[in-house]
Amino acid sequence: MRCLLFLSLFVLFLSCEDKQTKKKNSGQTTQTKIEKKNTIKDSDQKQERAFPKLNSKSAMEFFLKYNEEHKENKVRIFTDYGNIDILLFEETRFHRSNFIFLTKQKYYDGTQFYRVVPNFIIQGGNGDDKLTPKKRASIGKYLLPPDTKRGFKHHRGVISMPSSEIQNPHKLASPYEFFIVQQKGGAYHLDGDYTIFGKVIKGMDVVDKIAAVDTDDGEWPMQNVYIRKVEIIE
């Protein structure tokens, strides 16, 4: 009888101890979930934007400050036809800063030379993929005012910024796109309407190769000419 009573008490003791262990483990699991949740929140906070979403009102002030802190002025455009090195002019500070900013945001990577007009220009910075408009939406919707009175001419090899697709009497520029003058002898009829902000210092042979590709009636290359990436070299 005593043995039976002792055995019953022992089983009861083990049962109570097992419940306490489960309760303790349950508490640890809950605490772990809370800690993981807090870690995720902390991670989200660390991934806050490094720059504001831009619009036409805020862009000028943003690039004025950006110009003071980012002095790089040489970039390399990588394509399947070769590389194009560009010197950006310090005189056109907003447009130079804009190009450097977009390069650092890797905006141009994967875009295309989407408009090709032989013996005139090749135009890049856009494309027919879904990622390009997503990048633009993330960075912001803004235009840049023209800066055409610096004495620069549309010589062969200069890089200039086209007007926005929307009708605007002040020729505000589309900041995401650019064109390179390929025309021999220059395209001086463009002077005064579009902002020249740099020039090709190496790779005009690549520009000529791109200008020679077959295009459709809309001046779009029959085979996409990708800008694989743009990197700052100095």
C-alpha atoms as a PDB file:
ATOM      1  CA  MET A   1       0.000   0.000   0.000  1.00  0.00           C
ATOM      2  CA  ARG A   2       2.791   2.409   0.925  1.00  0.00           C
ATOM      3  CA  CYS A   3       4.606   1.539  -2.290  1.00  0.00           C
ATOM      4  CA  LEU A   4       1.495   2.289  -4.318  1.00  0.00           C
ATOM      5  CA  LEU A   5       1.062   5.646  -2.555  1.00  0.00           C
ATOM      6  CA  PHE A   6       4.716   6.556  -3.113  1.00  0.00           C
ATOM      7  CA  LEU A   7       4.463   5.635  -6.811  1.00  0.00           C
ATOM      8  CA  SER A   8       1.355   7.813  -7.221  1.00  0.00           C
ATOM      9  CA  LEU A   9       3.091  10.793  -5.579  1.00  0.00           C
ATOM     10  CA  PHE A  10       6.150  10.307  -7.797  1.00  0.00           C
ATOM     11  CA  VAL A  11       4.030  10.286 -11.000  1.00  0.00           C
ATOM     12  CA  LEU A  12       2.201  13.413  -9.782  1.00  0.00           C
ATOM     13  CA  PHE A  13       5.547  15.144  -9.125  1.00  0.00           C
ATOM     14  CA  LEU A  14       6.818  14.331 -12.641  1.00  0.00           C
ATOM     15  CA  SER A  15       3.562  15.574 -14.176  1.00  0.00           C
ATOM     16  CA  CYS A  16       3.809  18.906 -12.316  1.00  0.00           C
ATOM     17  CA  GLU A  17       7.462  19.287 -13.290  1.00  0.00           C
ATOM     18  CA  ASP A  18       6.616  18.594 -16.959  1.00  0.00           C
ATOM     19  CA  LYS A  19       3.890  21.268 -16.935  1.00  0.00           C
ATOM     20  CA  GLN A  20       6.297  23.791 -15.429  1.00  0.00           C
ATOM     21  CA  THR A  21       8.878  22.974 -18.129  1.00  0.00           C
ATOM     22  CA  LYS A  22       6.310  23.410 -20.914  1.00  0.00           C
ATOM     23  CA  LYS A  23       5.164  26.700 -19.406  1.00  0.00           C
ATOM     24  CA  LYS A  24       8.764  27.881 -19.178  1.00  0.00           C
ATOM     25  CA  ASN A  25       9.494  26.847 -22.781  1.00  0.00           C
ATOM     26  CA  SER A  26       6.288  28.519 -23.938  1.00  0.00           C
ATOM     27  CA  GLY A  27       7.388  31.722 -22.240  1.00  0.00           C
ATOM     28  CA  GLN A  28      10.788  31.504 -23.932  1.00  0.00           C
ATOM     29  CA  THR A  29       9.131  30.964 -27.341  1.00  0.00           C
ATOM     30  CA  THR A  30       6.899  33.996 -26.868  1.00  0.00           C
ATOM     31  CA  GLN A  31       9.881  36.090 -25.803  1.00  0.00           C
ATOM     32  CA  THR A  32      11.837  34.893 -28.856  1.00  0.00           C
ATOM     33  CA  LYS A  33       8.967  35.906 -31.154  1.00  0.00           C
ATOM     34  CA  ILE A  34       8.832  39.352 -29.542  1.00  0.00           C
ATOM     35  CA  GLU A  35      12.590  39.754 -29.929  1.00  0.00           C
ATOM     36  CA  LYS A  36      12.404  38.727 -33.605  1.00  0.00           C
ATOM     37  CA  LYS A  37       9.540  41.174 -34.198  1.00  0.00           C
ATOM     38  CA  ASN A  38      11.523  43.981 -32.587  1.00  0.00           C
ATOM     39  CA  THR A  39      14.560  43.040 -34.676  1.00  0.00           C
ATOM     40  CA  ILE A  40      12.471  43.300 -37.847  1.00  0.00           C
ATOM     41  CA  LYS A  41      11.208  46.721 -36.756  1.00  0.00           C
ATOM     42  CA  ASP A  42      14.760  47.869 -36.038  1.00  0.00           C
ATOM     43  CA  SER A  43      15.849  46.576 -39.451  1.00  0.00           C
ATOM     44  CA  ASP A  44      13.035  48.467 -41.163  1.00  0.00           C
ATOM     45  CA  GLN A  45      14.043  51.634 -39.362  1.00  0.00           C
ATOM     46  CA  LYS A  46      17.655  51.215 -40.525  1.00  0.00           C
ATOM     47  CA  GLN A  47      16.414  50.977 -44.133  1.00  0.00           C
ATOM     48  CA  GLU A  48      14.956  54.479 -44.101  1.00  0.00           C
ATOM     49  CA  ARG A  49      15.506  56.547 -47.272  1.00  0.00           C
ATOM     50  CA  ALA A  50      18.918  58.117 -47.597  1.00  0.00           C
ATOM     51  CA  PHE A  51      17.435  60.966 -49.650  1.00  0.00           C
ATOM     52  CA  PRO A  52      13.999  62.593 -49.937  1.00  0.00           C
ATOM     53  CA  LYS A  53      11.584  61.732 -52.714  1.00  0.00           C
ATOM     54  CA  LEU A  54      12.130  64.535 -55.187  1.00  0.00           C
ATOM     55  CA  ASN A  55       9.685  66.816 -56.946  1.00  0.00           C
ATOM     56  CA  SER A  56      10.144  69.922 -59.078  1.00  0.00           C
ATOM     57  CA  LYS A  57       9.921  72.186 -56.017  1.00  0.00           C
ATOM     58  CA  SER A  58      12.491  70.359 -53.901  1.00  0.00           C
ATOM     59  CA  ALA A  59      14.905  69.203 -56.623  1.00  0.00           C
ATOM     60  CA  MET A  60      16.790  72.483 -57.059  1.00  0.00           C
ATOM     61  CA  GLU A  61      17.557  72.889 -53.359  1.00  0.00           C
ATOM     62  CA  PHE A  62      18.485  69.213 -53.117  1.00  0.00           C
ATOM     63  CA  PHE A  63      20.942  69.349 -56.028  1.00  0.00           C
ATOM     64  CA  LEU A  64      22.407  72.650 -54.858  1.00  0.00           C
ATOM     65  CA  LYS A  65      23.455  70.935 -51.641  1.00  0.00           C
ATOM     66  CA  TYR A  66      24.353  67.713 -53.446  1.00  0.00           C
ATOM     67  CA  ASN A  67      26.677  69.702 -55.712  1.00  0.00           C
ATOM     68  CA  GLU A  68      28.650  70.909 -52.695  1.00  0.00           C
ATOM     69  CA  GLU A  69      29.161  67.409 -51.296  1.00  0.00           C
ATOM     70  CA  HIS A  70      29.649  65.328 -54.452  1.00  0.00           C
ATOM     71  CA  LYS A  71      32.369  66.609 -56.760  1.00  0.00           C
ATOM     72  CA  GLU A  72      32.767  63.637 -59.104  1.00  0.00           C
ATOM     73  CA  ASN A  73      32.699  64.614 -62.773  1.00  0.00           C
ATOM     74  CA  LYS A  74      33.708  61.583 -64.861  1.00  0.00           C
ATOM     75  CA  VAL A  75      31.526  58.560 -65.582  1.00  0.00           C
ATOM     76  CA  ARG A  76      31.774  55.464 -67.746  1.00  0.00           C
ATOM     77  CA  ILE A  77      28.812  54.072 -69.658  1.00  0.00           C
ATOM     78  CA  PHE A  78      29.068  50.315 -70.276  1.00  0.00           C
ATOM     79  CA  THR A  79      27.316  48.886 -73.352  1.00  0.00           C
ATOM     80  CA  ASP A  80      27.559  45.728 -75.441  1.00  0.00           C
ATOM     81  CA  TYR A  81      29.251  47.836 -78.118  1.00  0.00           C
ATOM     82  CA  GLY A  82      31.974  49.119 -75.792  1.00  0.00           C
ATOM     83  CA  ASN A  83      32.392  51.818 -73.160  1.00  0.00           C
ATOM     84  CA  ILE A  84      31.815  55.566 -73.360  1.00  0.00           C
ATOM     85  CA  ASP A  85      33.635  57.897 -70.951  1.00  0.00           C
ATOM     86  CA  ILE A  86      31.947  61.211 -70.167  1.00  0.00           C
ATOM     87  CA  LEU A  87      33.312  64.388 -68.585  1.00  0.00           C
ATOM     88  CA  LEU A  88      30.562  66.339 -66.819  1.00  0.00           C
ATOM     89  CA  PHE A  89      30.863  70.118 -66.773  1.00  0.00           C
ATOM     90  CA  GLU A  90      31.092  71.887 -63.418  1.00  0.00           C
ATOM     91  CA  GLU A  91      29.462  74.983 -64.949  1.00  0.00           C
ATOM     92  CA  THR A  92      26.119  73.177 -65.286  1.00  0.00           C
ATOM     93  CA  ARG A  93      26.062  72.150 -61.649  1.00  0.00           C
ATOM     94  CA  PHE A  94      22.440  71.066 -61.326  1.00  0.00           C
ATOM     95  CA  HIS A  95      22.608  68.810 -64.368  1.00  0.00           C
ATOM     96  CA  ARG A  96      26.031  67.426 -63.389  1.00  0.00           C
ATOM     97  CA  SER A  97      24.819  66.733 -59.853  1.00  0.00           C
ATOM     98  CA  ASN A  98      21.651  65.131 -61.180  1.00  0.00           C
ATOM     99  CA  PHE A  99      23.623  62.739 -63.398  1.00  0.00           C
ATOM    100  CA  ILE A 100      26.007  61.823 -60.573  1.00  0.00           C
ATOM    101  CA  PHE A 101      23.078  61.300 -58.205  1.00  0.00           C
ATOM    102  CA  LEU A 102      21.224  59.025 -60.628  1.00  0.00           C
ATOM    103  CA  THR A 103      24.442  57.120 -61.307  1.00  0.00           C
ATOM    104  CA  LYS A 104      24.925  56.476 -57.588  1.00  0.00           C
ATOM    105  CA  GLN A 105      21.301  55.343 -57.329  1.00  0.00           C
ATOM    106  CA  LYS A 106      22.064  52.902 -60.193  1.00  0.00           C
ATOM    107  CA  TYR A 107      19.133  54.325 -62.137  1.00  0.00           C
ATOM    108  CA  TYR A 108      20.827  54.007 -65.528  1.00  0.00           C
ATOM    109  CA  ASP A 109      21.814  50.362 -65.037  1.00  0.00           C
ATOM    110  CA  GLY A 110      19.618  48.306 -67.365  1.00  0.00           C
ATOM    111  CA  THR A 111      18.143  51.254 -69.267  1.00  0.00           C
ATOM    112  CA  GLN A 112      18.655  51.623 -73.009  1.00  0.00           C
ATOM    113  CA  PHE A 113      19.716  53.853 -75.838  1.00  0.00           C
ATOM    114  CA  TYR A 114      16.118  53.796 -76.961  1.00  0.00           C
ATOM    115  CA  ARG A 115      16.260  56.454 -79.709  1.00  0.00           C
ATOM    116  CA  VAL A 116      18.851  56.339 -82.476  1.00  0.00           C
ATOM    117  CA  VAL A 117      18.986  58.834 -85.346  1.00  0.00           C
ATOM    118  CA  PRO A 118      21.988  58.195 -87.625  1.00  0.00           C
ATOM    119  CA  ASN A 119      24.254  61.210 -88.141  1.00  0.00           C
ATOM    120  CA  PHE A 120      22.358  63.103 -85.468  1.00  0.00           C
ATOM    121  CA  ILE A 121      22.015  61.719 -81.912  1.00  0.00           C
ATOM    122  CA  ILE A 122      21.725  58.633 -79.742  1.00  0.00           C
ATOM    123  CA  GLN A 123      19.397  59.090 -76.771  1.00  0.00           C
ATOM    124  CA  GLY A 124      19.471  57.030 -73.575  1.00  0.00           C
ATOM    125  CA  GLY A 125      18.106  56.712 -70.055  1.00  0.00           C
ATOM    126  CA  ASN A 126      14.768  55.061 -70.781  1.00  0.00           C
ATOM    127  CA  GLY A 127      13.587  51.624 -71.810  1.00  0.00           C
ATOM    128  CA  ASP A 128      10.678  49.287 -72.404  1.00  0.00           C
ATOM    129  CA  ASP A 129      11.018  47.224 -69.225  1.00  0.00           C
ATOM    130  CA  LYS A 130       8.916  47.499 -66.061  1.00  0.00           C
ATOM    131  CA  LEU A 131      11.817  48.290 -63.742  1.00  0.00           C
ATOM    132  CA  THR A 132      12.626  51.728 -65.213  1.00  0.00           C
ATOM    133  CA  PRO A 133       9.300  53.396 -64.266  1.00  0.00           C
ATOM    134  CA  LYS A 134       9.545  51.798 -60.821  1.00  0.00           C
ATOM    135  CA  LYS A 135      12.977  53.378 -60.322  1.00  0.00           C
ATOM    136  CA  ARG A 136      11.609  56.748 -61.393  1.00  0.00           C
ATOM    137  CA  ALA A 137       8.642  56.465 -59.054  1.00  0.00           C
ATOM    138  CA  SER A 138      10.997  55.681 -56.167  1.00  0.00           C
ATOM    139  CA  ILE A 139      13.348  58.602 -56.868  1.00  0.00           C
ATOM    140  CA  GLY A 140      10.636  61.135 -57.653  1.00  0.00           C
ATOM    141  CA  LYS A 141       8.956  63.090 -60.418  1.00  0.00           C
ATOM    142  CA  TYR A 142      10.767  66.329 -61.191  1.00  0.00           C
ATOM    143  CA  LEU A 143      12.096  68.528 -64.001  1.00  0.00           C
ATOM    144  CA  LEU A 144      15.232  70.641 -64.252  1.00  0.00           C
ATOM    145  CA  PRO A 145      15.310  74.180 -65.663  1.00  0.00           C
ATOM    146  CA  PRO A 146      17.448  74.800 -68.759  1.00  0.00           C
ATOM    147  CA  ASP A 147      20.981  76.105 -68.324  1.00  0.00           C
ATOM    148  CA  THR A 148      21.879  77.092 -71.866  1.00  0.00           C
ATOM    149  CA  LYS A 149      23.930  80.280 -71.443  1.00  0.00           C
ATOM    150  CA  ARG A 150      27.294  78.770 -70.503  1.00  0.00           C
ATOM    151  CA  GLY A 151      28.790  79.152 -73.959  1.00  0.00           C
ATOM    152  CA  PHE A 152      28.635  75.437 -74.823  1.00  0.00           C
ATOM    153  CA  LYS A 153      27.674  74.394 -78.349  1.00  0.00           C
ATOM    154  CA  HIS A 154      26.205  71.160 -79.635  1.00  0.00           C
ATOM    155  CA  HIS A 155      29.475  69.934 -81.083  1.00  0.00           C
ATOM    156  CA  ARG A 156      29.849  66.301 -82.039  1.00  0.00           C
ATOM    157  CA  GLY A 157      30.355  64.301 -78.843  1.00  0.00           C
ATOM    158  CA  VAL A 158      28.598  66.548 -76.326  1.00  0.00           C
ATOM    159  CA  ILE A 159      26.020  65.148 -73.908  1.00  0.00           C
ATOM    160  CA  SER A 160      22.839  67.157 -73.537  1.00  0.00           C
ATOM    161  CA  MET A 161      19.505  66.848 -71.742  1.00  0.00           C
ATOM    162  CA  PRO A 162      16.240  66.625 -73.711  1.00  0.00           C
ATOM    163  CA  SER A 163      13.093  68.528 -72.838  1.00  0.00           C
ATOM    164  CA  SER A 164      10.330  66.770 -70.958  1.00  0.00           C
ATOM    165  CA  GLU A 165       7.748  64.886 -73.003  1.00  0.00           C
ATOM    166  CA  ILE A 166       5.084  67.197 -71.572  1.00  0.00           C
ATOM    167  CA  GLN A 167       4.574  70.501 -73.330  1.00  0.00           C
ATOM    168  CA  ASN A 168       6.316  73.269 -71.423  1.00  0.00           C
ATOM    169  CA  PRO A 169       7.260  76.695 -72.783  1.00  0.00           C
ATOM    170  CA  HIS A 170      10.440  76.925 -70.679  1.00  0.00           C
ATOM    171  CA  LYS A 171      11.982  73.736 -72.108  1.00  0.00           C
ATOM    172  CA  LEU A 172      12.287  72.132 -68.676  1.00  0.00           C
ATOM    173  CA  ALA A 173      14.492  69.079 -68.946  1.00  0.00           C
ATOM    174  CA  SER A 174      13.655  65.447 -68.344  1.00  0.00           C
ATOM    175  CA  PRO A 175      16.300  64.563 -65.710  1.00  0.00           C
ATOM    176  CA  TYR A 176      16.356  60.830 -66.388  1.00  0.00           C
ATOM    177  CA  GLU A 177      17.335  61.019 -70.048  1.00  0.00           C
ATOM    178  CA  PHE A 178      20.228  62.334 -72.100  1.00  0.00           C
ATOM    179  CA  PHE A 179      21.462  62.377 -75.654  1.00  0.00           C
ATOM    180  CA  ILE A 180      24.892  62.377 -77.257  1.00  0.00           C
ATOM    181  CA  VAL A 181      25.431  64.334 -80.473  1.00  0.00           C
ATOM    182  CA  GLN A 182      26.824  61.949 -83.092  1.00  0.00           C
ATOM    183  CA  GLN A 183      26.436  64.261 -86.068  1.00  0.00           C
ATOM    184  CA  LYS A 184      29.663  65.111 -87.829  1.00  0.00           C
ATOM    185  CA  GLY A 185      30.045  68.864 -87.860  1.00  0.00           C
ATOM    186  CA  GLY A 186      27.761  69.264 -84.834  1.00  0.00           C
ATOM    187  CA  ALA A 187      24.041  69.941 -84.406  1.00  0.00           C
ATOM    188  CA  TYR A 188      24.052  73.654 -83.678  1.00  0.00           C
ATOM    189  CA  HIS A 189      20.347  74.147 -84.388  1.00  0.00           C
ATOM    190  CA  LEU A 190      19.844  72.629 -80.906  1.00  0.00           C
ATOM    191  CA  ASP A 191      21.789  75.436 -79.201  1.00  0.00           C
ATOM    192  CA  GLY A 192      19.704  77.488 -76.810  1.00  0.00           C
ATOM    193  CA  ASP A 193      16.988  74.856 -76.421  1.00  0.00           C
ATOM    194  CA  TYR A 194      18.788  72.024 -74.630  1.00  0.00           C
ATOM    195  CA  THR A 195      21.310  72.022 -71.795  1.00  0.00           C
ATOM    196  CA  ILE A 196      24.774  70.709 -72.641  1.00  0.00           C
ATOM    197  CA  PHE A 197      26.315  69.310 -69.450  1.00  0.00           C
ATOM    198  CA  GLY A 198      29.213  67.144 -70.584  1.00  0.00           C
ATOM    199  CA  LYS A 199      31.169  65.627 -73.449  1.00  0.00           C
ATOM    200  CA  VAL A 200      32.573  62.288 -74.553  1.00  0.00           C
ATOM    201  CA  ILE A 201      36.285  62.062 -73.784  1.00  0.00           C
ATOM    202  CA  LYS A 202      36.694  58.453 -74.909  1.00  0.00           C
ATOM    203  CA  GLY A 203      34.495  56.092 -76.905  1.00  0.00           C
ATOM    204  CA  MET A 204      33.094  58.107 -79.808  1.00  0.00           C
ATOM    205  CA  ASP A 205      33.706  55.011 -81.918  1.00  0.00           C
ATOM    206  CA  VAL A 206      31.179  53.257 -79.666  1.00  0.00           C
ATOM    207  CA  VAL A 207      28.696  56.118 -80.183  1.00  0.00           C
ATOM    208  CA  ASP A 208      29.146  55.675 -83.954  1.00  0.00           C
ATOM    209  CA  LYS A 209      28.537  51.927 -83.699  1.00  0.00           C
ATOM    210  CA  ILE A 210      25.300  52.488 -81.775  1.00  0.00           C
ATOM    211  CA  ALA A 211      24.215  55.173 -84.255  1.00  0.00           C
ATOM    212  CA  ALA A 212      24.588  52.611 -87.061  1.00  0.00           C
ATOM    213  CA  VAL A 213      22.158  49.989 -85.687  1.00  0.00           C
ATOM    214  CA  ASP A 214      18.927  49.232 -87.535  1.00  0.00           C
ATOM    215  CA  THR A 215      15.866  51.059 -86.225  1.00  0.00           C
ATOM    216  CA  ASP A 216      12.111  50.976 -86.770  1.00  0.00           C
ATOM    217  CA  ASP A 217       9.987  53.864 -88.019  1.00  0.00           C
ATOM    218  CA  GLY A 218       9.896  55.291 -84.486  1.00  0.00           C
ATOM    219  CA  GLU A 219      13.726  55.512 -84.305  1.00  0.00           C
ATOM    220  CA  TRP A 220      13.780  52.659 -81.761  1.00  0.00           C
ATOM    221  CA  PRO A 221      16.580  50.089 -82.336  1.00  0.00           C
ATOM    222  CA  MET A 222      15.330  46.801 -83.785  1.00  0.00           C
ATOM    223  CA  GLN A 223      17.433  45.091 -81.112  1.00  0.00           C
ATOM    224  CA  ASN A 224      17.616  46.762 -77.698  1.00  0.00           C
ATOM    225  CA  VAL A 225      20.846  48.633 -77.018  1.00  0.00           C
ATOM    226  CA  TYR A 226      21.296  48.272 -73.264  1.00  0.00           C
ATOM    227  CA  ILE A 227      23.208  50.515 -70.920  1.00  0.00           C
ATOM    228  CA  ARG A 228      24.521  47.702 -68.775  1.00  0.00           C
ATOM    229  CA  LYS A 229      25.705  50.076 -66.065  1.00  0.00           C
ATOM    230  CA  VAL A 230      27.112  53.535 -65.437  1.00  0.00           C
ATOM    231  CA  GLU A 231      29.971  53.977 -62.978  1.00  0.00           C
ATOM    232  CA  ILE A 232      31.807  56.981 -61.584  1.00  0.00           C
ATOM    233  CA  ILE A 233      35.489  56.848 -62.557  1.00  0.00           C
ATOM    234  CA  GLU A 234      36.640  60.127 -61.042  1.00  0.00           C
END
